[in-house]
Amino acid sequence: MKLRRSLAAVAVLAVGIGAAACSSDPATESATTGNPAASGQGWPRTVTDETGSVTIEHKPERIVSTSVTLTGSLLALDAPLIGTGAQRPSDVTDENGLFTQWADIAAERGVETLYQGEPNVEKITAADPDLIFVSATGGDSAVDQVDTLRQIAPVVVLRYDDKSWQDLSGRIAAAIGAEEQAEALVAKFDRQLDDAKSALGDKVAAANPVNVPAYNSPEESRMFTAESAQGILLERLGFSLADLPADISRADKGVMTGRKDVVPVGQENLPRAVPGNTTFIVIGDAADAERFLADPTLQQTPSVEKKQVIGLGKDSFRLDYYSASNLIDRVTNAVR
């Protein structure tokens, strides 16, 4: 499949470009000469990240993630993850601040929660990692501590806000030698998606077009566009997103300026922003769907009139393999 070929290309590119630029060692030179190491199997290897390039001498055995978002992708690749940063507990996490979609898996594998909130360099040092992952952006970024962390172990800095979880998995796989696992993971997800699309069948046509808001508060919501991870996934299932009115899509985005995946919408414009027959609420459960249905300002909208409002789950904001799989199951079970 096209997506699988894309993932393989990302993994090889991440290894190949850095290797060609940085080393004359046979193990890294081979990344551009057709040697078996070109598929990402050789060590040491040099990978590209948001800071340039990083050389990793040996296959990592003790990985620490300072980003709770990257942690999900590491777990899905069965990486040797020993510790992770976490966020403050909320309705999208367990009591340790780990995302609910994979918190049980982390516990089963003995992954230690090193800290919640601000990075704790002492705890990271005590974990004795041989590779550290850092997010370049987002509320779980430790990018300001990269220089300090590099004194502990090699650091790979990645962005997750401009990549699909498949692309992100490819970049992580290139750094840890998990290319085969990444290929298998994407193939498994593709099968789930194809099965769901078949199960939905003609129900998709009746549901279209759809709205994808995060129904946050009376003051402001966010509309997820066809360029968002959620929009892309729904379109792969056969749904089409309703077009936003031009004045809403072109309005000042404030702190979200430059982003193409979401558009902020004030309460006064929300009825015009949800013209579709079905509304899928991001970071929403059944209670949020009921709240949307009861909103007096939305009573004349098609999805409320048809009572086709569906919560995608509290874990549907930052999509990794686990939450994307959960989203597919919820949509398949909910669309009638």
C-alpha atoms as a PDB file:
ATOM      1  CA  MET A   1       0.000   0.000   0.000  1.00  0.00           C
ATOM      2  CA  LYS A   2       1.005   3.594  -0.616  1.00  0.00           C
ATOM      3  CA  LEU A   3       1.071   4.376   3.107  1.00  0.00           C
ATOM      4  CA  ARG A   4       3.325   1.426   3.830  1.00  0.00           C
ATOM      5  CA  ARG A   5       5.749   2.403   1.071  1.00  0.00           C
ATOM      6  CA  SER A   6       5.761   5.934   2.470  1.00  0.00           C
ATOM      7  CA  LEU A   7       6.668   4.668   5.940  1.00  0.00           C
ATOM      8  CA  ALA A   8       9.550   2.613   4.590  1.00  0.00           C
ATOM      9  CA  ALA A   9      10.820   5.630   2.682  1.00  0.00           C
ATOM     10  CA  VAL A  10      10.742   7.798   5.797  1.00  0.00           C
ATOM     11  CA  ALA A  11      12.735   5.252   7.789  1.00  0.00           C
ATOM     12  CA  VAL A  12      15.368   4.774   5.094  1.00  0.00           C
ATOM     13  CA  LEU A  13      15.595   8.529   4.421  1.00  0.00           C
ATOM     14  CA  ALA A  14      16.100   9.313   8.087  1.00  0.00           C
ATOM     15  CA  VAL A  15      19.013   6.880   8.275  1.00  0.00           C
ATOM     16  CA  GLY A  16      20.406   7.405   4.792  1.00  0.00           C
ATOM     17  CA  ILE A  17      20.652  11.188   4.702  1.00  0.00           C
ATOM     18  CA  GLY A  18      22.346  11.450   8.080  1.00  0.00           C
ATOM     19  CA  ALA A  19      24.732   8.589   7.315  1.00  0.00           C
ATOM     20  CA  ALA A  20      25.801  10.064   3.994  1.00  0.00           C
ATOM     21  CA  ALA A  21      26.515  13.401   5.610  1.00  0.00           C
ATOM     22  CA  CYS A  22      28.411  12.387   8.725  1.00  0.00           C
ATOM     23  CA  SER A  23      30.537   9.277   8.559  1.00  0.00           C
ATOM     24  CA  SER A  24      33.050   7.229   6.605  1.00  0.00           C
ATOM     25  CA  ASP A  25      32.519   4.208   8.852  1.00  0.00           C
ATOM     26  CA  PRO A  26      31.530   1.149   6.735  1.00  0.00           C
ATOM     27  CA  ALA A  27      28.440   0.543   8.866  1.00  0.00           C
ATOM     28  CA  THR A  28      27.077   3.992   8.071  1.00  0.00           C
ATOM     29  CA  GLU A  29      28.487   4.359   4.560  1.00  0.00           C
ATOM     30  CA  SER A  30      26.511   1.273   3.576  1.00  0.00           C
ATOM     31  CA  ALA A  31      23.267   3.222   3.968  1.00  0.00           C
ATOM     32  CA  THR A  32      23.916   4.658   0.512  1.00  0.00           C
ATOM     33  CA  THR A  33      25.728   1.742  -1.121  1.00  0.00           C
ATOM     34  CA  GLY A  34      23.131  -1.038  -1.073  1.00  0.00           C
ATOM     35  CA  ASN A  35      24.707  -2.865   1.881  1.00  0.00           C
ATOM     36  CA  PRO A  36      22.205  -4.570   4.290  1.00  0.00           C
ATOM     37  CA  ALA A  37      22.624  -1.598   6.606  1.00  0.00           C
ATOM     38  CA  ALA A  38      20.710   0.467   4.040  1.00  0.00           C
ATOM     39  CA  SER A  39      17.510  -1.027   5.449  1.00  0.00           C
ATOM     40  CA  GLY A  40      18.419   0.429   8.821  1.00  0.00           C
ATOM     41  CA  GLN A  41      20.022  -2.640  10.400  1.00  0.00           C
ATOM     42  CA  GLY A  42      23.597  -1.408  10.883  1.00  0.00           C
ATOM     43  CA  TRP A  43      25.195   0.156  13.947  1.00  0.00           C
ATOM     44  CA  PRO A  44      26.373   2.746  14.542  1.00  0.00           C
ATOM     45  CA  ARG A  45      23.807   4.752  12.568  1.00  0.00           C
ATOM     46  CA  THR A  46      23.205   8.445  12.094  1.00  0.00           C
ATOM     47  CA  VAL A  47      19.639   9.721  11.886  1.00  0.00           C
ATOM     48  CA  THR A  48      18.235  13.145  11.104  1.00  0.00           C
ATOM     49  CA  ASP A  49      16.039  14.946  13.617  1.00  0.00           C
ATOM     50  CA  GLU A  50      14.827  18.503  14.246  1.00  0.00           C
ATOM     51  CA  THR A  51      18.281  19.597  15.395  1.00  0.00           C
ATOM     52  CA  GLY A  52      20.302  18.145  12.526  1.00  0.00           C
ATOM     53  CA  SER A  53      21.771  14.672  12.939  1.00  0.00           C
ATOM     54  CA  VAL A  54      22.363  12.258  15.792  1.00  0.00           C
ATOM     55  CA  THR A  55      24.764   9.318  15.833  1.00  0.00           C
ATOM     56  CA  ILE A  56      23.643   6.295  17.826  1.00  0.00           C
ATOM     57  CA  GLU A  57      26.513   3.900  18.475  1.00  0.00           C
ATOM     58  CA  HIS A  58      24.595   0.778  19.521  1.00  0.00           C
ATOM     59  CA  LYS A  59      21.076  -0.587  19.308  1.00  0.00           C
ATOM     60  CA  PRO A  60      19.375   1.035  22.307  1.00  0.00           C
ATOM     61  CA  GLU A  61      18.376  -1.103  25.259  1.00  0.00           C
ATOM     62  CA  ARG A  62      17.271   1.562  27.764  1.00  0.00           C
ATOM     63  CA  ILE A  63      15.144   4.315  26.222  1.00  0.00           C
ATOM     64  CA  VAL A  64      13.615   7.279  28.051  1.00  0.00           C
ATOM     65  CA  SER A  65      10.898   9.425  26.508  1.00  0.00           C
ATOM     66  CA  THR A  66      10.487  12.972  27.819  1.00  0.00           C
ATOM     67  CA  SER A  67       7.319  13.352  25.719  1.00  0.00           C
ATOM     68  CA  VAL A  68       4.174  11.539  26.775  1.00  0.00           C
ATOM     69  CA  THR A  69       2.993  11.874  23.162  1.00  0.00           C
ATOM     70  CA  LEU A  70       6.051  10.115  21.724  1.00  0.00           C
ATOM     71  CA  THR A  71       5.738   7.426  24.389  1.00  0.00           C
ATOM     72  CA  GLY A  72       2.678   5.920  22.689  1.00  0.00           C
ATOM     73  CA  SER A  73       4.551   5.401  19.436  1.00  0.00           C
ATOM     74  CA  LEU A  74       7.523   3.876  21.267  1.00  0.00           C
ATOM     75  CA  LEU A  75       5.238   1.406  23.027  1.00  0.00           C
ATOM     76  CA  ALA A  76       3.498   0.470  19.781  1.00  0.00           C
ATOM     77  CA  LEU A  77       6.905  -0.381  18.293  1.00  0.00           C
ATOM     78  CA  ASP A  78       7.706  -2.544  21.333  1.00  0.00           C
ATOM     79  CA  ALA A  79      10.731  -0.346  22.046  1.00  0.00           C
ATOM     80  CA  PRO A  80      12.882  -1.050  25.139  1.00  0.00           C
ATOM     81  CA  LEU A  81      11.281   1.876  26.977  1.00  0.00           C
ATOM     82  CA  ILE A  82      12.201   2.067  30.651  1.00  0.00           C
ATOM     83  CA  GLY A  83      10.875   5.482  31.638  1.00  0.00           C
ATOM     84  CA  THR A  84       8.713   8.357  30.470  1.00  0.00           C
ATOM     85  CA  GLY A  85       7.689  11.839  31.372  1.00  0.00           C
ATOM     86  CA  ALA A  86       3.985  12.375  32.002  1.00  0.00           C
ATOM     87  CA  GLN A  87       1.509  15.210  32.168  1.00  0.00           C
ATOM     88  CA  ARG A  88      -0.661  16.230  35.085  1.00  0.00           C
ATOM     89  CA  PRO A  89      -3.584  13.828  35.567  1.00  0.00           C
ATOM     90  CA  SER A  90      -6.687  14.763  33.586  1.00  0.00           C
ATOM     91  CA  ASP A  91      -9.669  13.164  31.896  1.00  0.00           C
ATOM     92  CA  VAL A  92      -7.393  11.926  29.085  1.00  0.00           C
ATOM     93  CA  THR A  93      -4.857  10.241  31.405  1.00  0.00           C
ATOM     94  CA  ASP A  94      -4.670   7.800  34.272  1.00  0.00           C
ATOM     95  CA  GLU A  95      -3.634   8.842  37.785  1.00  0.00           C
ATOM     96  CA  ASN A  96       0.021   8.807  36.724  1.00  0.00           C
ATOM     97  CA  GLY A  97      -0.519  11.249  33.882  1.00  0.00           C
ATOM     98  CA  LEU A  98      -0.189   8.610  31.145  1.00  0.00           C
ATOM     99  CA  PHE A  99      -2.631   8.562  28.234  1.00  0.00           C
ATOM    100  CA  THR A 100      -5.460   6.121  28.852  1.00  0.00           C
ATOM    101  CA  GLN A 101      -5.143   4.436  25.447  1.00  0.00           C
ATOM    102  CA  TRP A 102      -1.847   2.814  26.426  1.00  0.00           C
ATOM    103  CA  ALA A 103      -1.394   3.343  30.181  1.00  0.00           C
ATOM    104  CA  ASP A 104      -2.136  -0.333  30.924  1.00  0.00           C
ATOM    105  CA  ILE A 105       0.444  -1.444  28.374  1.00  0.00           C
ATOM    106  CA  ALA A 106       3.073   0.805  29.936  1.00  0.00           C
ATOM    107  CA  ALA A 107       2.294  -0.685  33.352  1.00  0.00           C
ATOM    108  CA  GLU A 108       2.538  -4.255  32.022  1.00  0.00           C
ATOM    109  CA  ARG A 109       5.974  -3.519  30.600  1.00  0.00           C
ATOM    110  CA  GLY A 110       7.230  -1.873  33.764  1.00  0.00           C
ATOM    111  CA  VAL A 111       7.696   1.595  32.256  1.00  0.00           C
ATOM    112  CA  GLU A 112       8.415   4.024  35.092  1.00  0.00           C
ATOM    113  CA  THR A 113       6.733   7.412  35.267  1.00  0.00           C
ATOM    114  CA  LEU A 114       9.780   9.582  35.943  1.00  0.00           C
ATOM    115  CA  TYR A 115       7.974  12.884  36.528  1.00  0.00           C
ATOM    116  CA  GLN A 116       4.794  14.827  35.766  1.00  0.00           C
ATOM    117  CA  GLY A 117       4.954  18.215  34.049  1.00  0.00           C
ATOM    118  CA  GLU A 118       8.363  19.872  33.886  1.00  0.00           C
ATOM    119  CA  PRO A 119      11.283  17.563  32.943  1.00  0.00           C
ATOM    120  CA  ASN A 120      13.269  16.246  35.887  1.00  0.00           C
ATOM    121  CA  VAL A 121      16.877  15.833  34.766  1.00  0.00           C
ATOM    122  CA  GLU A 122      17.868  14.057  37.973  1.00  0.00           C
ATOM    123  CA  LYS A 123      15.212  11.378  37.477  1.00  0.00           C
ATOM    124  CA  ILE A 124      16.190  10.958  33.840  1.00  0.00           C
ATOM    125  CA  THR A 125      19.858  10.606  34.809  1.00  0.00           C
ATOM    126  CA  ALA A 126      19.033   8.037  37.486  1.00  0.00           C
ATOM    127  CA  ALA A 127      17.164   5.937  34.914  1.00  0.00           C
ATOM    128  CA  ASP A 128      20.508   5.481  33.097  1.00  0.00           C
ATOM    129  CA  PRO A 129      19.150   5.622  29.521  1.00  0.00           C
ATOM    130  CA  ASP A 130      21.223   4.927  26.436  1.00  0.00           C
ATOM    131  CA  LEU A 131      18.842   6.948  24.198  1.00  0.00           C
ATOM    132  CA  ILE A 132      16.451   9.811  24.961  1.00  0.00           C
ATOM    133  CA  PHE A 133      13.522  11.050  22.874  1.00  0.00           C
ATOM    134  CA  VAL A 134      12.388  14.676  23.080  1.00  0.00           C
ATOM    135  CA  SER A 135       9.500  16.460  21.396  1.00  0.00           C
ATOM    136  CA  ALA A 136      10.418  19.682  19.597  1.00  0.00           C
ATOM    137  CA  THR A 137       6.970  21.199  20.147  1.00  0.00           C
ATOM    138  CA  GLY A 138       3.906  20.883  22.335  1.00  0.00           C
ATOM    139  CA  GLY A 139       3.207  21.076  26.029  1.00  0.00           C
ATOM    140  CA  ASP A 140       5.344  17.978  26.683  1.00  0.00           C
ATOM    141  CA  SER A 141       8.451  19.365  24.981  1.00  0.00           C
ATOM    142  CA  ALA A 142      11.789  19.281  26.802  1.00  0.00           C
ATOM    143  CA  VAL A 143      13.646  20.966  23.952  1.00  0.00           C
ATOM    144  CA  ASP A 144      15.108  23.603  26.281  1.00  0.00           C
ATOM    145  CA  GLN A 145      16.913  20.831  28.171  1.00  0.00           C
ATOM    146  CA  VAL A 146      18.407  19.085  25.125  1.00  0.00           C
ATOM    147  CA  ASP A 147      21.977  20.263  25.741  1.00  0.00           C
ATOM    148  CA  THR A 148      21.825  18.989  29.315  1.00  0.00           C
ATOM    149  CA  LEU A 149      20.214  15.699  28.287  1.00  0.00           C
ATOM    150  CA  ARG A 150      22.937  15.092  25.705  1.00  0.00           C
ATOM    151  CA  GLN A 151      25.382  14.797  28.563  1.00  0.00           C
ATOM    152  CA  ILE A 152      23.439  11.718  29.667  1.00  0.00           C
ATOM    153  CA  ALA A 153      22.846   9.927  26.348  1.00  0.00           C
ATOM    154  CA  PRO A 154      22.200  10.604  22.650  1.00  0.00           C
ATOM    155  CA  VAL A 155      19.027  12.644  22.159  1.00  0.00           C
ATOM    156  CA  VAL A 156      16.607  12.399  19.226  1.00  0.00           C
ATOM    157  CA  VAL A 157      14.333  15.454  18.854  1.00  0.00           C
ATOM    158  CA  LEU A 158      11.142  14.972  16.812  1.00  0.00           C
ATOM    159  CA  ARG A 159       8.042  16.995  16.009  1.00  0.00           C
ATOM    160  CA  TYR A 160       4.702  15.252  16.209  1.00  0.00           C
ATOM    161  CA  ASP A 161       2.359  18.129  15.335  1.00  0.00           C
ATOM    162  CA  ASP A 162       3.152  18.053  11.601  1.00  0.00           C
ATOM    163  CA  LYS A 163       3.262  14.277  11.048  1.00  0.00           C
ATOM    164  CA  SER A 164       0.875  11.368  10.953  1.00  0.00           C
ATOM    165  CA  TRP A 165       1.483   8.714  13.581  1.00  0.00           C
ATOM    166  CA  GLN A 166       2.677   6.479  10.739  1.00  0.00           C
ATOM    167  CA  ASP A 167       5.367   8.967   9.702  1.00  0.00           C
ATOM    168  CA  LEU A 168       6.364   9.530  13.306  1.00  0.00           C
ATOM    169  CA  SER A 169       6.652   5.785  13.856  1.00  0.00           C
ATOM    170  CA  GLY A 170       8.921   5.580  10.828  1.00  0.00           C
ATOM    171  CA  ARG A 171      11.297   8.173  12.219  1.00  0.00           C
ATOM    172  CA  ILE A 172      11.388   6.521  15.629  1.00  0.00           C
ATOM    173  CA  ALA A 173      11.921   3.113  14.026  1.00  0.00           C
ATOM    174  CA  ALA A 174      14.916   4.453  12.103  1.00  0.00           C
ATOM    175  CA  ALA A 175      16.556   5.501  15.366  1.00  0.00           C
ATOM    176  CA  ILE A 176      15.954   2.309  17.327  1.00  0.00           C
ATOM    177  CA  GLY A 177      16.241  -0.371  14.640  1.00  0.00           C
ATOM    178  CA  ALA A 178      12.542  -1.228  14.581  1.00  0.00           C
ATOM    179  CA  GLU A 179      11.816  -0.859  10.875  1.00  0.00           C
ATOM    180  CA  GLU A 180      10.218  -4.296  10.603  1.00  0.00           C
ATOM    181  CA  GLN A 181       7.973  -3.614  13.579  1.00  0.00           C
ATOM    182  CA  ALA A 182       6.890  -0.319  12.018  1.00  0.00           C
ATOM    183  CA  GLU A 183       6.059  -2.008   8.719  1.00  0.00           C
ATOM    184  CA  ALA A 184       4.017  -4.660  10.522  1.00  0.00           C
ATOM    185  CA  LEU A 185       2.223  -2.058  12.640  1.00  0.00           C
ATOM    186  CA  VAL A 186       1.112  -0.018   9.638  1.00  0.00           C
ATOM    187  CA  ALA A 187       0.038  -3.169   7.793  1.00  0.00           C
ATOM    188  CA  LYS A 188      -2.048  -4.261  10.786  1.00  0.00           C
ATOM    189  CA  PHE A 189      -3.666  -0.825  11.010  1.00  0.00           C
ATOM    190  CA  ASP A 190      -4.409  -0.814   7.289  1.00  0.00           C
ATOM    191  CA  ARG A 191      -6.209  -4.146   7.624  1.00  0.00           C
ATOM    192  CA  GLN A 192      -8.285  -2.784  10.512  1.00  0.00           C
ATOM    193  CA  LEU A 193      -9.149   0.306   8.502  1.00  0.00           C
ATOM    194  CA  ASP A 194     -10.135  -1.704   5.417  1.00  0.00           C
ATOM    195  CA  ASP A 195     -12.311  -4.014   7.515  1.00  0.00           C
ATOM    196  CA  ALA A 196     -14.009  -1.022   9.139  1.00  0.00           C
ATOM    197  CA  LYS A 197     -14.658   0.640   5.789  1.00  0.00           C
ATOM    198  CA  SER A 198     -16.286  -2.552   4.526  1.00  0.00           C
ATOM    199  CA  ALA A 199     -18.389  -2.859   7.690  1.00  0.00           C
ATOM    200  CA  LEU A 200     -19.594   0.741   7.380  1.00  0.00           C
ATOM    201  CA  GLY A 201     -20.660   0.207   3.795  1.00  0.00           C
ATOM    202  CA  ASP A 202     -23.603   2.341   2.663  1.00  0.00           C
ATOM    203  CA  LYS A 203     -23.951   3.931   6.114  1.00  0.00           C
ATOM    204  CA  VAL A 204     -21.168   6.352   5.225  1.00  0.00           C
ATOM    205  CA  ALA A 205     -23.188   7.935   2.408  1.00  0.00           C
ATOM    206  CA  ALA A 206     -26.079   8.726   4.745  1.00  0.00           C
ATOM    207  CA  ALA A 207     -23.711  10.187   7.345  1.00  0.00           C
ATOM    208  CA  ASN A 208     -21.927  12.524   4.913  1.00  0.00           C
ATOM    209  CA  PRO A 209     -20.858  15.251   5.007  1.00  0.00           C
ATOM    210  CA  VAL A 210     -19.486  15.307   8.548  1.00  0.00           C
ATOM    211  CA  ASN A 211     -18.311  17.935  11.032  1.00  0.00           C
ATOM    212  CA  VAL A 212     -15.301  17.338  13.294  1.00  0.00           C
ATOM    213  CA  PRO A 213     -15.249  19.844  16.175  1.00  0.00           C
ATOM    214  CA  ALA A 214     -13.617  19.873  19.555  1.00  0.00           C
ATOM    215  CA  TYR A 215     -16.636  21.180  21.456  1.00  0.00           C
ATOM    216  CA  ASN A 216     -14.656  22.890  24.187  1.00  0.00           C
ATOM    217  CA  SER A 217     -16.638  25.623  25.860  1.00  0.00           C
ATOM    218  CA  PRO A 218     -19.420  28.133  25.278  1.00  0.00           C
ATOM    219  CA  GLU A 219     -16.798  30.688  24.253  1.00  0.00           C
ATOM    220  CA  GLU A 220     -14.850  28.816  21.594  1.00  0.00           C
ATOM    221  CA  SER A 221     -14.636  25.474  19.834  1.00  0.00           C
ATOM    222  CA  ARG A 222     -12.195  24.183  17.250  1.00  0.00           C
ATOM    223  CA  MET A 223     -13.064  22.695  13.891  1.00  0.00           C
ATOM    224  CA  PHE A 224     -10.709  19.997  12.638  1.00  0.00           C
ATOM    225  CA  THR A 225     -10.086  20.234   8.902  1.00  0.00           C
ATOM    226  CA  ALA A 226      -9.440  17.644   6.207  1.00  0.00           C
ATOM    227  CA  GLU A 227      -5.715  18.250   6.833  1.00  0.00           C
ATOM    228  CA  SER A 228      -5.937  17.167  10.462  1.00  0.00           C
ATOM    229  CA  ALA A 229      -4.985  13.644  11.503  1.00  0.00           C
ATOM    230  CA  GLN A 230      -8.601  13.051  12.503  1.00  0.00           C
ATOM    231  CA  GLY A 231      -9.912  14.388   9.189  1.00  0.00           C
ATOM    232  CA  ILE A 232      -7.484  12.279   7.170  1.00  0.00           C
ATOM    233  CA  LEU A 233      -8.463   9.134   9.059  1.00  0.00           C
ATOM    234  CA  LEU A 234     -12.195   9.779   8.636  1.00  0.00           C
ATOM    235  CA  GLU A 235     -11.724  10.401   4.928  1.00  0.00           C
ATOM    236  CA  ARG A 236      -9.869   7.095   4.629  1.00  0.00           C
ATOM    237  CA  LEU A 237     -12.985   5.483   6.111  1.00  0.00           C
ATOM    238  CA  GLY A 238     -15.036   7.073   3.331  1.00  0.00           C
ATOM    239  CA  PHE A 239     -16.397  10.152   5.095  1.00  0.00           C
ATOM    240  CA  SER A 240     -16.204  13.643   3.597  1.00  0.00           C
ATOM    241  CA  LEU A 241     -15.818  16.739   5.751  1.00  0.00           C
ATOM    242  CA  ALA A 242     -18.295  19.565   5.322  1.00  0.00           C
ATOM    243  CA  ASP A 243     -16.784  22.796   4.002  1.00  0.00           C
ATOM    244  CA  LEU A 244     -16.434  25.659   6.458  1.00  0.00           C
ATOM    245  CA  PRO A 245     -17.872  29.042   5.434  1.00  0.00           C
ATOM    246  CA  ALA A 246     -15.116  31.136   3.881  1.00  0.00           C
ATOM    247  CA  ASP A 247     -15.283  33.879   6.509  1.00  0.00           C
ATOM    248  CA  ILE A 248     -14.751  31.316   9.282  1.00  0.00           C
ATOM    249  CA  SER A 249     -11.886  29.482   7.603  1.00  0.00           C
ATOM    250  CA  ARG A 250     -10.130  32.786   6.819  1.00  0.00           C
ATOM    251  CA  ALA A 251     -10.660  34.372  10.249  1.00  0.00           C
ATOM    252  CA  ASP A 252      -7.753  35.297  12.503  1.00  0.00           C
ATOM    253  CA  LYS A 253      -6.522  32.117  14.198  1.00  0.00           C
ATOM    254  CA  GLY A 254      -4.742  33.891  17.045  1.00  0.00           C
ATOM    255  CA  VAL A 255      -2.269  31.543  18.738  1.00  0.00           C
ATOM    256  CA  MET A 256      -3.065  28.900  16.099  1.00  0.00           C
ATOM    257  CA  THR A 257      -1.862  31.068  13.204  1.00  0.00           C
ATOM    258  CA  GLY A 258      -0.091  28.967  10.598  1.00  0.00           C
ATOM    259  CA  ARG A 259      -1.892  25.752  11.481  1.00  0.00           C
ATOM    260  CA  LYS A 260      -3.937  24.050   8.788  1.00  0.00           C
ATOM    261  CA  ASP A 261      -5.401  21.283  10.908  1.00  0.00           C
ATOM    262  CA  VAL A 262      -7.726  23.337  13.133  1.00  0.00           C
ATOM    263  CA  VAL A 263      -9.807  26.497  12.892  1.00  0.00           C
ATOM    264  CA  PRO A 264     -11.083  28.279  16.033  1.00  0.00           C
ATOM    265  CA  VAL A 265     -14.799  29.059  16.018  1.00  0.00           C
ATOM    266  CA  GLY A 266     -16.650  31.307  18.452  1.00  0.00           C
ATOM    267  CA  GLN A 267     -20.001  30.192  19.823  1.00  0.00           C
ATOM    268  CA  GLU A 268     -21.853  32.705  17.662  1.00  0.00           C
ATOM    269  CA  ASN A 269     -20.481  31.073  14.505  1.00  0.00           C
ATOM    270  CA  LEU A 270     -20.624  27.446  15.602  1.00  0.00           C
ATOM    271  CA  PRO A 271     -24.065  26.733  14.061  1.00  0.00           C
ATOM    272  CA  ARG A 272     -22.717  27.790  10.644  1.00  0.00           C
ATOM    273  CA  ALA A 273     -19.536  25.764  11.166  1.00  0.00           C
ATOM    274  CA  VAL A 274     -21.417  22.446  11.554  1.00  0.00           C
ATOM    275  CA  PRO A 275     -23.579  22.118   8.418  1.00  0.00           C
ATOM    276  CA  GLY A 276     -22.919  18.380   8.024  1.00  0.00           C
ATOM    277  CA  ASN A 277     -25.326  15.525   8.615  1.00  0.00           C
ATOM    278  CA  THR A 278     -23.102  13.967  11.295  1.00  0.00           C
ATOM    279  CA  THR A 279     -20.907  15.514  13.967  1.00  0.00           C
ATOM    280  CA  PHE A 280     -17.882  13.656  15.360  1.00  0.00           C
ATOM    281  CA  ILE A 281     -16.625  15.326  18.548  1.00  0.00           C
ATOM    282  CA  VAL A 282     -12.866  15.199  19.136  1.00  0.00           C
ATOM    283  CA  ILE A 283     -11.920  14.668  22.806  1.00  0.00           C
ATOM    284  CA  GLY A 284     -15.589  13.839  23.307  1.00  0.00           C
ATOM    285  CA  ASP A 285     -17.523  11.014  24.918  1.00  0.00           C
ATOM    286  CA  ALA A 286     -21.247  10.243  25.171  1.00  0.00           C
ATOM    287  CA  ALA A 287     -21.748  13.037  27.724  1.00  0.00           C
ATOM    288  CA  ASP A 288     -20.172  15.575  25.366  1.00  0.00           C
ATOM    289  CA  ALA A 289     -22.411  14.353  22.553  1.00  0.00           C
ATOM    290  CA  GLU A 290     -25.454  14.862  24.777  1.00  0.00           C
ATOM    291  CA  ARG A 291     -24.250  18.355  25.665  1.00  0.00           C
ATOM    292  CA  PHE A 292     -23.915  19.175  21.972  1.00  0.00           C
ATOM    293  CA  LEU A 293     -27.399  17.820  21.270  1.00  0.00           C
ATOM    294  CA  ALA A 294     -28.830  19.945  24.088  1.00  0.00           C
ATOM    295  CA  ASP A 295     -27.111  23.191  23.077  1.00  0.00           C
ATOM    296  CA  PRO A 296     -29.943  25.630  22.326  1.00  0.00           C
ATOM    297  CA  THR A 297     -27.899  27.419  19.665  1.00  0.00           C
ATOM    298  CA  LEU A 298     -27.455  24.213  17.647  1.00  0.00           C
ATOM    299  CA  GLN A 299     -31.011  22.939  17.485  1.00  0.00           C
ATOM    300  CA  GLN A 300     -31.447  23.838  13.802  1.00  0.00           C
ATOM    301  CA  THR A 301     -28.257  22.143  12.641  1.00  0.00           C
ATOM    302  CA  PRO A 302     -28.629  18.937  10.567  1.00  0.00           C
ATOM    303  CA  SER A 303     -26.676  16.635  12.884  1.00  0.00           C
ATOM    304  CA  VAL A 304     -28.718  17.690  15.924  1.00  0.00           C
ATOM    305  CA  GLU A 305     -31.998  17.357  14.048  1.00  0.00           C
ATOM    306  CA  LYS A 306     -30.971  13.879  12.908  1.00  0.00           C
ATOM    307  CA  LYS A 307     -29.476  13.076  16.345  1.00  0.00           C
ATOM    308  CA  GLN A 308     -26.262  11.993  14.650  1.00  0.00           C
ATOM    309  CA  VAL A 309     -23.680  13.316  17.101  1.00  0.00           C
ATOM    310  CA  ILE A 310     -20.893  10.940  18.101  1.00  0.00           C
ATOM    311  CA  GLY A 311     -18.026  11.309  20.553  1.00  0.00           C
ATOM    312  CA  LEU A 312     -14.720  10.048  19.171  1.00  0.00           C
ATOM    313  CA  GLY A 313     -13.359   9.442  22.683  1.00  0.00           C
ATOM    314  CA  LYS A 314     -11.236  11.403  25.126  1.00  0.00           C
ATOM    315  CA  ASP A 315      -8.159   9.865  23.517  1.00  0.00           C
ATOM    316  CA  SER A 316      -8.935  11.174  20.016  1.00  0.00           C
ATOM    317  CA  PHE A 317      -6.884  14.398  20.190  1.00  0.00           C
ATOM    318  CA  ARG A 318      -3.296  13.152  19.828  1.00  0.00           C
ATOM    319  CA  LEU A 319      -3.515  10.161  17.552  1.00  0.00           C
ATOM    320  CA  ASP A 320      -1.022   7.338  17.949  1.00  0.00           C
ATOM    321  CA  TYR A 321      -1.520   3.736  16.881  1.00  0.00           C
ATOM    322  CA  TYR A 322      -3.609   2.941  19.947  1.00  0.00           C
ATOM    323  CA  SER A 323      -5.917   5.964  19.884  1.00  0.00           C
ATOM    324  CA  ALA A 324      -6.338   5.812  16.094  1.00  0.00           C
ATOM    325  CA  SER A 325      -7.392   2.174  16.421  1.00  0.00           C
ATOM    326  CA  ASN A 326      -9.844   3.117  19.169  1.00  0.00           C
ATOM    327  CA  LEU A 327     -11.261   5.887  16.978  1.00  0.00           C
ATOM    328  CA  ILE A 328     -11.929   3.451  14.139  1.00  0.00           C
ATOM    329  CA  ASP A 329     -13.753   1.069  16.487  1.00  0.00           C
ATOM    330  CA  ARG A 330     -15.913   3.851  17.931  1.00  0.00           C
ATOM    331  CA  VAL A 331     -16.919   5.144  14.527  1.00  0.00           C
ATOM    332  CA  THR A 332     -17.674   1.675  13.219  1.00  0.00           C
ATOM    333  CA  ASN A 333     -19.872   0.863  16.222  1.00  0.00           C
ATOM    334  CA  ALA A 334     -21.635   4.231  16.387  1.00  0.00           C
ATOM    335  CA  VAL A 335     -22.588   5.080  12.793  1.00  0.00           C
ATOM    336  CA  ARG A 336     -26.013   3.624  12.007  1.00  0.00           C
END
